[in-house]
All heavy atoms as atom14 arrays in JSON, in Angstrom:
{
  "sequence": "LDSDDVKLIRCNNCLQLLACVASCLNICIDFDGDDAIVG",
  "atom14_mask": [
    [1, 1, 1, 1, 1, 1, 1, 1, 0, 0, 0, 0, 0, 0],
    [1, 1, 1, 1, 1, 1, 1, 1, 0, 0, 0, 0, 0, 0],
    [1, 1, 1, 1, 1, 1, 0, 0, 0, 0, 0, 0, 0, 0],
    [1, 1, 1, 1, 1, 1, 1, 1, 0, 0, 0, 0, 0, 0],
    [1, 1, 1, 1, 1, 1, 1, 1, 0, 0, 0, 0, 0, 0],
    [1, 1, 1, 1, 1, 1, 1, 0, 0, 0, 0, 0, 0, 0],
    [1, 1, 1, 1, 1, 1, 1, 1, 1, 0, 0, 0, 0, 0],
    [1, 1, 1, 1, 1, 1, 1, 1, 0, 0, 0, 0, 0, 0],
    [1, 1, 1, 1, 1, 1, 1, 1, 0, 0, 0, 0, 0, 0],
    [1, 1, 1, 1, 1, 1, 1, 1, 1, 1, 1, 0, 0, 0],
    [1, 1, 1, 1, 1, 1, 0, 0, 0, 0, 0, 0, 0, 0],
    [1, 1, 1, 1, 1, 1, 1, 1, 0, 0, 0, 0, 0, 0],
    [1, 1, 1, 1, 1, 1, 1, 1, 0, 0, 0, 0, 0, 0],
    [1, 1, 1, 1, 1, 1, 0, 0, 0, 0, 0, 0, 0, 0],
    [1, 1, 1, 1, 1, 1, 1, 1, 0, 0, 0, 0, 0, 0],
    [1, 1, 1, 1, 1, 1, 1, 1, 1, 0, 0, 0, 0, 0],
    [1, 1, 1, 1, 1, 1, 1, 1, 0, 0, 0, 0, 0, 0],
    [1, 1, 1, 1, 1, 1, 1, 1, 0, 0, 0, 0, 0, 0],
    [1, 1, 1, 1, 1, 0, 0, 0, 0, 0, 0, 0, 0, 0],
    [1, 1, 1, 1, 1, 1, 0, 0, 0, 0, 0, 0, 0, 0],
    [1, 1, 1, 1, 1, 1, 1, 0, 0, 0, 0, 0, 0, 0],
    [1, 1, 1, 1, 1, 0, 0, 0, 0, 0, 0, 0, 0, 0],
    [1, 1, 1, 1, 1, 1, 0, 0, 0, 0, 0, 0, 0, 0],
    [1, 1, 1, 1, 1, 1, 0, 0, 0, 0, 0, 0, 0, 0],
    [1, 1, 1, 1, 1, 1, 1, 1, 0, 0, 0, 0, 0, 0],
    [1, 1, 1, 1, 1, 1, 1, 1, 0, 0, 0, 0, 0, 0],
    [1, 1, 1, 1, 1, 1, 1, 1, 0, 0, 0, 0, 0, 0],
    [1, 1, 1, 1, 1, 1, 0, 0, 0, 0, 0, 0, 0, 0],
    [1, 1, 1, 1, 1, 1, 1, 1, 0, 0, 0, 0, 0, 0],
    [1, 1, 1, 1, 1, 1, 1, 1, 0, 0, 0, 0, 0, 0],
    [1, 1, 1, 1, 1, 1, 1, 1, 1, 1, 1, 0, 0, 0],
    [1, 1, 1, 1, 1, 1, 1, 1, 0, 0, 0, 0, 0, 0],
    [1, 1, 1, 1, 0, 0, 0, 0, 0, 0, 0, 0, 0, 0],
    [1, 1, 1, 1, 1, 1, 1, 1, 0, 0, 0, 0, 0, 0],
    [1, 1, 1, 1, 1, 1, 1, 1, 0, 0, 0, 0, 0, 0],
    [1, 1, 1, 1, 1, 0, 0, 0, 0, 0, 0, 0, 0, 0],
    [1, 1, 1, 1, 1, 1, 1, 1, 0, 0, 0, 0, 0, 0],
    [1, 1, 1, 1, 1, 1, 1, 0, 0, 0, 0, 0, 0, 0],
    [1, 1, 1, 1, 0, 0, 0, 0, 0, 0, 0, 0, 0, 0]
  ],
  "atom14_positions": [
    [[-38.65, 337.22, 283.5], [-37.38, 336.62, 283.08], [-37.23, 335.28, 283.8], [-37.53, 335.17, 284.98], [-36.22, 337.52, 283.46], [-36.16, 338.89, 282.77], [-35.06, 339.74, 283.38], [-35.94, 338.73, 281.29], [0.0, 0.0, 0.0], [0.0, 0.0, 0.0], [0.0, 0.0, 0.0], [0.0, 0.0, 0.0], [0.0, 0.0, 0.0], [0.0, 0.0, 0.0]],
    [[-36.72, 334.3, 283.07], [-36.43, 333.03, 283.76], [-35.01, 333.1, 284.33], [-34.27, 334.06, 284.09], [-36.64, 331.82, 282.84], [-35.7, 331.77, 281.66], [-34.71, 332.51, 281.63], [-35.97, 330.97, 280.76], [0.0, 0.0, 0.0], [0.0, 0.0, 0.0], [0.0, 0.0, 0.0], [0.0, 0.0, 0.0], [0.0, 0.0, 0.0], [0.0, 0.0, 0.0]],
    [[-34.64, 332.1, 285.07], [-33.33, 332.15, 285.77], [-32.16, 332.19, 284.79], [-31.14, 332.81, 285.08], [-33.2, 330.94, 286.7], [-33.24, 329.73, 285.97], [0.0, 0.0, 0.0], [0.0, 0.0, 0.0], [0.0, 0.0, 0.0], [0.0, 0.0, 0.0], [0.0, 0.0, 0.0], [0.0, 0.0, 0.0], [0.0, 0.0, 0.0], [0.0, 0.0, 0.0]],
    [[-32.29, 331.57, 283.62], [-31.21, 331.63, 282.64], [-31.04, 333.05, 282.08], [-29.92, 333.49, 281.83], [-31.47, 330.64, 281.5], [-31.36, 329.19, 281.95], [-30.65, 328.94, 282.95], [-31.98, 328.33, 281.33], [0.0, 0.0, 0.0], [0.0, 0.0, 0.0], [0.0, 0.0, 0.0], [0.0, 0.0, 0.0], [0.0, 0.0, 0.0], [0.0, 0.0, 0.0]],
    [[-32.15, 333.73, 281.86], [-32.09, 335.12, 281.4], [-31.34, 335.98, 282.42], [-30.48, 336.77, 282.06], [-33.48, 335.71, 281.2], [-34.23, 335.07, 280.06], [-33.59, 334.61, 279.1], [-35.48, 335.05, 280.12], [0.0, 0.0, 0.0], [0.0, 0.0, 0.0], [0.0, 0.0, 0.0], [0.0, 0.0, 0.0], [0.0, 0.0, 0.0], [0.0, 0.0, 0.0]],
    [[-31.69, 335.8, 283.66], [-31.06, 336.58, 284.73], [-29.56, 336.29, 284.79], [-28.74, 337.21, 284.93], [-31.74, 336.29, 286.1], [-31.0, 336.95, 287.23], [-33.19, 336.75, 286.06], [0.0, 0.0, 0.0], [0.0, 0.0, 0.0], [0.0, 0.0, 0.0], [0.0, 0.0, 0.0], [0.0, 0.0, 0.0], [0.0, 0.0, 0.0], [0.0, 0.0, 0.0]],
    [[-29.18, 335.03, 284.63], [-27.76, 334.66, 284.65], [-27.01, 335.3, 283.48], [-25.89, 335.79, 283.65], [-27.6, 333.14, 284.61], [-28.02, 332.47, 285.91], [-27.97, 330.97, 285.77], [-28.55, 330.29, 287.0], [-28.66, 328.83, 286.84], [0.0, 0.0, 0.0], [0.0, 0.0, 0.0], [0.0, 0.0, 0.0], [0.0, 0.0, 0.0], [0.0, 0.0, 0.0]],
    [[-27.61, 335.26, 282.3], [-26.95, 335.88, 281.13], [-26.79, 337.39, 281.31], [-25.74, 337.94, 280.99], [-27.76, 335.59, 279.86], [-27.66, 334.21, 279.28], [-28.65, 334.03, 278.14], [-26.24, 333.96, 278.77], [0.0, 0.0, 0.0], [0.0, 0.0, 0.0], [0.0, 0.0, 0.0], [0.0, 0.0, 0.0], [0.0, 0.0, 0.0], [0.0, 0.0, 0.0]],
    [[-27.81, 338.04, 281.81], [-27.75, 339.48, 282.01], [-26.71, 339.82, 283.08], [-25.92, 340.77, 282.91], [-29.14, 340.05, 282.37], [-30.06, 339.93, 281.15], [-29.05, 341.5, 282.83], [-31.53, 340.19, 281.45], [0.0, 0.0, 0.0], [0.0, 0.0, 0.0], [0.0, 0.0, 0.0], [0.0, 0.0, 0.0], [0.0, 0.0, 0.0], [0.0, 0.0, 0.0]],
    [[-26.66, 339.05, 284.14], [-25.65, 339.28, 285.18], [-24.25, 339.05, 284.66], [-23.33, 339.8, 284.97], [-25.93, 338.4, 286.39], [-27.09, 338.87, 287.22], [-27.3, 337.97, 288.42], [-28.45, 338.44, 289.19], [-29.04, 337.74, 290.13], [-28.61, 336.52, 290.43], [-30.06, 338.25, 290.78], [0.0, 0.0, 0.0], [0.0, 0.0, 0.0], [0.0, 0.0, 0.0]],
    [[-24.07, 337.99, 283.89], [-22.76, 337.71, 283.3], [-22.32, 338.87, 282.4], [-21.18, 339.33, 282.47], [-22.81, 336.41, 282.51], [-21.28, 336.0, 281.65], [0.0, 0.0, 0.0], [0.0, 0.0, 0.0], [0.0, 0.0, 0.0], [0.0, 0.0, 0.0], [0.0, 0.0, 0.0], [0.0, 0.0, 0.0], [0.0, 0.0, 0.0], [0.0, 0.0, 0.0]],
    [[-23.24, 339.35, 281.57], [-22.95, 340.48, 280.7], [-22.57, 341.71, 281.53], [-21.59, 342.39, 281.23], [-24.16, 340.78, 279.81], [-23.94, 342.01, 278.97], [-23.0, 342.08, 278.19], [-24.79, 343.0, 279.13], [0.0, 0.0, 0.0], [0.0, 0.0, 0.0], [0.0, 0.0, 0.0], [0.0, 0.0, 0.0], [0.0, 0.0, 0.0], [0.0, 0.0, 0.0]],
    [[-23.34, 341.99, 282.56], [-23.06, 343.17, 283.41], [-21.7, 343.05, 284.07], [-20.96, 344.03, 284.16], [-24.16, 343.36, 284.45], [-25.47, 343.77, 283.83], [-25.53, 344.19, 282.68], [-26.54, 343.65, 284.59], [0.0, 0.0, 0.0], [0.0, 0.0, 0.0], [0.0, 0.0, 0.0], [0.0, 0.0, 0.0], [0.0, 0.0, 0.0], [0.0, 0.0, 0.0]],
    [[-21.36, 341.85, 284.55], [-20.05, 341.66, 285.19], [-18.91, 341.85, 284.19], [-17.89, 342.48, 284.51], [-19.96, 340.27, 285.82], [-20.97, 340.08, 287.29], [0.0, 0.0, 0.0], [0.0, 0.0, 0.0], [0.0, 0.0, 0.0], [0.0, 0.0, 0.0], [0.0, 0.0, 0.0], [0.0, 0.0, 0.0], [0.0, 0.0, 0.0], [0.0, 0.0, 0.0]],
    [[-19.09, 341.33, 282.98], [-18.05, 341.54, 281.95], [-17.91, 343.01, 281.58], [-16.79, 343.49, 281.35], [-18.37, 340.7, 280.72], [-18.11, 339.21, 280.86], [-18.67, 338.45, 279.66], [-16.61, 338.95, 281.0], [0.0, 0.0, 0.0], [0.0, 0.0, 0.0], [0.0, 0.0, 0.0], [0.0, 0.0, 0.0], [0.0, 0.0, 0.0], [0.0, 0.0, 0.0]],
    [[-19.02, 343.73, 281.51], [-18.96, 345.16, 281.21], [-18.21, 345.91, 282.32], [-17.4, 346.78, 282.05], [-20.37, 345.74, 281.03], [-21.15, 345.19, 279.87], [-20.46, 345.38, 278.54], [-19.88, 346.42, 278.26], [-20.51, 344.36, 277.71], [0.0, 0.0, 0.0], [0.0, 0.0, 0.0], [0.0, 0.0, 0.0], [0.0, 0.0, 0.0], [0.0, 0.0, 0.0]],
    [[-18.5, 345.56, 283.56], [-17.82, 346.18, 284.69], [-16.33, 345.83, 284.68], [-15.49, 346.71, 284.9], [-18.47, 345.73, 286.0], [-17.88, 346.34, 287.27], [-18.06, 347.85, 287.28], [-18.52, 345.72, 288.5], [0.0, 0.0, 0.0], [0.0, 0.0, 0.0], [0.0, 0.0, 0.0], [0.0, 0.0, 0.0], [0.0, 0.0, 0.0], [0.0, 0.0, 0.0]],
    [[-16.0, 344.58, 284.43], [-14.61, 344.17, 284.35], [-13.87, 344.93, 283.26], [-12.73, 345.4, 283.46], [-14.51, 342.66, 284.1], [-13.1, 342.09, 283.91], [-12.29, 342.25, 285.19], [-13.17, 340.63, 283.48], [0.0, 0.0, 0.0], [0.0, 0.0, 0.0], [0.0, 0.0, 0.0], [0.0, 0.0, 0.0], [0.0, 0.0, 0.0], [0.0, 0.0, 0.0]],
    [[-14.5, 345.1, 282.1], [-13.88, 345.84, 281.0], [-13.66, 347.3, 281.39], [-12.61, 347.89, 281.08], [-14.75, 345.76, 279.74], [0.0, 0.0, 0.0], [0.0, 0.0, 0.0], [0.0, 0.0, 0.0], [0.0, 0.0, 0.0], [0.0, 0.0, 0.0], [0.0, 0.0, 0.0], [0.0, 0.0, 0.0], [0.0, 0.0, 0.0], [0.0, 0.0, 0.0]],
    [[-14.63, 347.88, 282.07], [-14.5, 349.27, 282.52], [-13.36, 349.43, 283.53], [-12.52, 350.33, 283.41], [-15.82, 349.74, 283.12], [-15.82, 351.46, 283.63], [0.0, 0.0, 0.0], [0.0, 0.0, 0.0], [0.0, 0.0, 0.0], [0.0, 0.0, 0.0], [0.0, 0.0, 0.0], [0.0, 0.0, 0.0], [0.0, 0.0, 0.0], [0.0, 0.0, 0.0]],
    [[-13.3, 348.53, 284.5], [-12.24, 348.6, 285.52], [-10.88, 348.37, 284.88], [-9.9, 349.07, 285.18], [-12.51, 347.56, 286.65], [-11.32, 347.4, 287.56], [-13.74, 347.99, 287.44], [0.0, 0.0, 0.0], [0.0, 0.0, 0.0], [0.0, 0.0, 0.0], [0.0, 0.0, 0.0], [0.0, 0.0, 0.0], [0.0, 0.0, 0.0], [0.0, 0.0, 0.0]],
    [[-10.8, 347.39, 283.98], [-9.52, 347.1, 283.31], [-9.05, 348.3, 282.48], [-7.87, 348.64, 282.49], [-9.67, 345.87, 282.43], [0.0, 0.0, 0.0], [0.0, 0.0, 0.0], [0.0, 0.0, 0.0], [0.0, 0.0, 0.0], [0.0, 0.0, 0.0], [0.0, 0.0, 0.0], [0.0, 0.0, 0.0], [0.0, 0.0, 0.0], [0.0, 0.0, 0.0]],
    [[-9.97, 348.96, 281.81], [-9.61, 350.14, 281.01], [-9.13, 351.27, 281.91], [-8.16, 351.96, 281.59], [-10.8, 350.6, 280.16], [-11.14, 349.63, 279.22], [0.0, 0.0, 0.0], [0.0, 0.0, 0.0], [0.0, 0.0, 0.0], [0.0, 0.0, 0.0], [0.0, 0.0, 0.0], [0.0, 0.0, 0.0], [0.0, 0.0, 0.0], [0.0, 0.0, 0.0]],
    [[-9.8, 351.47, 283.04], [-9.39, 352.53, 283.97], [-8.02, 352.22, 284.57], [-7.17, 353.11, 284.68], [-10.43, 352.7, 285.08], [-11.96, 353.43, 284.51], [0.0, 0.0, 0.0], [0.0, 0.0, 0.0], [0.0, 0.0, 0.0], [0.0, 0.0, 0.0], [0.0, 0.0, 0.0], [0.0, 0.0, 0.0], [0.0, 0.0, 0.0], [0.0, 0.0, 0.0]],
    [[-7.8, 350.97, 284.96], [-6.49, 350.59, 285.5], [-5.39, 350.73, 284.45], [-4.27, 351.11, 284.77], [-6.53, 349.15, 286.02], [-7.26, 348.94, 287.34], [-7.34, 347.46, 287.68], [-6.61, 349.72, 288.46], [0.0, 0.0, 0.0], [0.0, 0.0, 0.0], [0.0, 0.0, 0.0], [0.0, 0.0, 0.0], [0.0, 0.0, 0.0], [0.0, 0.0, 0.0]],
    [[-5.73, 350.43, 283.21], [-4.76, 350.56, 282.13], [-4.34, 352.01, 281.93], [-3.2, 352.29, 281.58], [-5.34, 349.99, 280.83], [-4.32, 349.89, 279.73], [-3.16, 349.58, 279.98], [-4.74, 350.13, 278.51], [0.0, 0.0, 0.0], [0.0, 0.0, 0.0], [0.0, 0.0, 0.0], [0.0, 0.0, 0.0], [0.0, 0.0, 0.0], [0.0, 0.0, 0.0]],
    [[-5.26, 352.93, 282.16], [-4.93, 354.35, 282.05], [-4.04, 354.78, 283.21], [-3.06, 355.51, 283.02], [-6.22, 355.19, 282.04], [-6.99, 354.95, 280.75], [-5.91, 356.68, 282.19], [-8.39, 355.53, 280.73], [0.0, 0.0, 0.0], [0.0, 0.0, 0.0], [0.0, 0.0, 0.0], [0.0, 0.0, 0.0], [0.0, 0.0, 0.0], [0.0, 0.0, 0.0]],
    [[-4.36, 354.3, 284.41], [-3.62, 354.72, 285.62], [-2.27, 354.02, 285.78], [-1.31, 354.62, 286.23], [-4.48, 354.46, 286.86], [-6.0, 355.41, 286.88], [0.0, 0.0, 0.0], [0.0, 0.0, 0.0], [0.0, 0.0, 0.0], [0.0, 0.0, 0.0], [0.0, 0.0, 0.0], [0.0, 0.0, 0.0], [0.0, 0.0, 0.0], [0.0, 0.0, 0.0]],
    [[-2.23, 352.73, 285.46], [-1.02, 351.93, 285.66], [-0.58, 351.42, 284.3], [-1.32, 350.66, 283.65], [-1.29, 350.75, 286.61], [-1.86, 351.25, 287.92], [-0.02, 349.96, 286.82], [-2.4, 350.15, 288.81], [0.0, 0.0, 0.0], [0.0, 0.0, 0.0], [0.0, 0.0, 0.0], [0.0, 0.0, 0.0], [0.0, 0.0, 0.0], [0.0, 0.0, 0.0]],
    [[0.61, 351.76, 283.89], [1.07, 351.39, 282.55], [2.11, 350.27, 282.67], [3.22, 350.49, 283.15], [1.66, 352.59, 281.84], [1.91, 352.33, 280.38], [1.22, 351.46, 279.81], [2.82, 352.97, 279.8], [0.0, 0.0, 0.0], [0.0, 0.0, 0.0], [0.0, 0.0, 0.0], [0.0, 0.0, 0.0], [0.0, 0.0, 0.0], [0.0, 0.0, 0.0]],
    [[1.75, 349.06, 282.24], [2.66, 347.93, 282.18], [2.82, 347.52, 280.73], [1.93, 347.74, 279.91], [2.13, 346.73, 282.98], [2.11, 346.95, 284.46], [0.9, 347.07, 285.13], [3.27, 347.02, 285.19], [0.86, 347.26, 286.49], [3.25, 347.22, 286.55], [2.05, 347.34, 287.21], [0.0, 0.0, 0.0], [0.0, 0.0, 0.0], [0.0, 0.0, 0.0]],
    [[3.95, 346.89, 280.43], [4.16, 346.41, 279.07], [3.22, 345.25, 278.77], [3.09, 344.32, 279.57], [5.62, 345.93, 278.89], [6.61, 347.09, 278.92], [6.18, 348.21, 278.59], [7.77, 346.85, 279.28], [0.0, 0.0, 0.0], [0.0, 0.0, 0.0], [0.0, 0.0, 0.0], [0.0, 0.0, 0.0], [0.0, 0.0, 0.0], [0.0, 0.0, 0.0]],
    [[2.52, 345.3, 277.66], [1.66, 344.22, 277.22], [0.25, 344.24, 277.78], [-0.56, 343.41, 277.43], [0.0, 0.0, 0.0], [0.0, 0.0, 0.0], [0.0, 0.0, 0.0], [0.0, 0.0, 0.0], [0.0, 0.0, 0.0], [0.0, 0.0, 0.0], [0.0, 0.0, 0.0], [0.0, 0.0, 0.0], [0.0, 0.0, 0.0], [0.0, 0.0, 0.0]],
    [[-0.02, 345.19, 278.67], [-1.37, 345.21, 279.26], [-2.42, 345.73, 278.29], [-3.6, 345.46, 278.47], [-1.39, 345.98, 280.57], [-1.01, 347.44, 280.42], [-0.5, 347.81, 279.35], [-1.21, 348.2, 281.37], [0.0, 0.0, 0.0], [0.0, 0.0, 0.0], [0.0, 0.0, 0.0], [0.0, 0.0, 0.0], [0.0, 0.0, 0.0], [0.0, 0.0, 0.0]],
    [[-2.03, 346.44, 277.28], [-2.99, 346.93, 276.27], [-3.68, 345.77, 275.57], [-4.87, 345.82, 275.29], [-2.31, 347.84, 275.25], [-1.9, 349.17, 275.82], [-2.43, 349.55, 276.88], [-1.02, 349.82, 275.23], [0.0, 0.0, 0.0], [0.0, 0.0, 0.0], [0.0, 0.0, 0.0], [0.0, 0.0, 0.0], [0.0, 0.0, 0.0], [0.0, 0.0, 0.0]],
    [[-2.92, 344.71, 275.28], [-3.5, 343.56, 274.6], [-4.49, 342.85, 275.51], [-5.56, 342.42, 275.06], [-2.39, 342.61, 274.18], [0.0, 0.0, 0.0], [0.0, 0.0, 0.0], [0.0, 0.0, 0.0], [0.0, 0.0, 0.0], [0.0, 0.0, 0.0], [0.0, 0.0, 0.0], [0.0, 0.0, 0.0], [0.0, 0.0, 0.0], [0.0, 0.0, 0.0]],
    [[-4.18, 342.73, 276.78], [-5.09, 342.07, 277.72], [-6.37, 342.87, 277.88], [-7.47, 342.32, 277.84], [-4.4, 341.86, 279.09], [-3.24, 340.88, 278.93], [-5.39, 341.36, 280.13], [-2.33, 340.8, 280.14], [0.0, 0.0, 0.0], [0.0, 0.0, 0.0], [0.0, 0.0, 0.0], [0.0, 0.0, 0.0], [0.0, 0.0, 0.0], [0.0, 0.0, 0.0]],
    [[-6.24, 344.18, 278.04], [-7.41, 345.05, 278.16], [-8.24, 345.0, 276.89], [-9.46, 344.95, 276.94], [-7.0, 346.49, 278.53], [-8.18, 347.43, 278.45], [-6.37, 346.52, 279.91], [0.0, 0.0, 0.0], [0.0, 0.0, 0.0], [0.0, 0.0, 0.0], [0.0, 0.0, 0.0], [0.0, 0.0, 0.0], [0.0, 0.0, 0.0], [0.0, 0.0, 0.0]],
    [[-7.58, 345.0, 275.76], [-8.28, 344.89, 274.48], [-9.05, 343.59, 274.37], [-10.19, 343.57, 273.88], [0.0, 0.0, 0.0], [0.0, 0.0, 0.0], [0.0, 0.0, 0.0], [0.0, 0.0, 0.0], [0.0, 0.0, 0.0], [0.0, 0.0, 0.0], [0.0, 0.0, 0.0], [0.0, 0.0, 0.0], [0.0, 0.0, 0.0], [0.0, 0.0, 0.0]]
  ]
}
C-alpha cells in the first residue's frame, strides 16, 4: 500500500469508529435533534 492508501483506510476506519460511538451515545443519552446528527 502506498501512503495515500493507508491514509484513506485510516480515515475510513476513524469515520466508522465515530459512527459507532455516536450511535452508542445516541442510545444512552437522548437529546432533541441528535438523531439527525447521528444519521
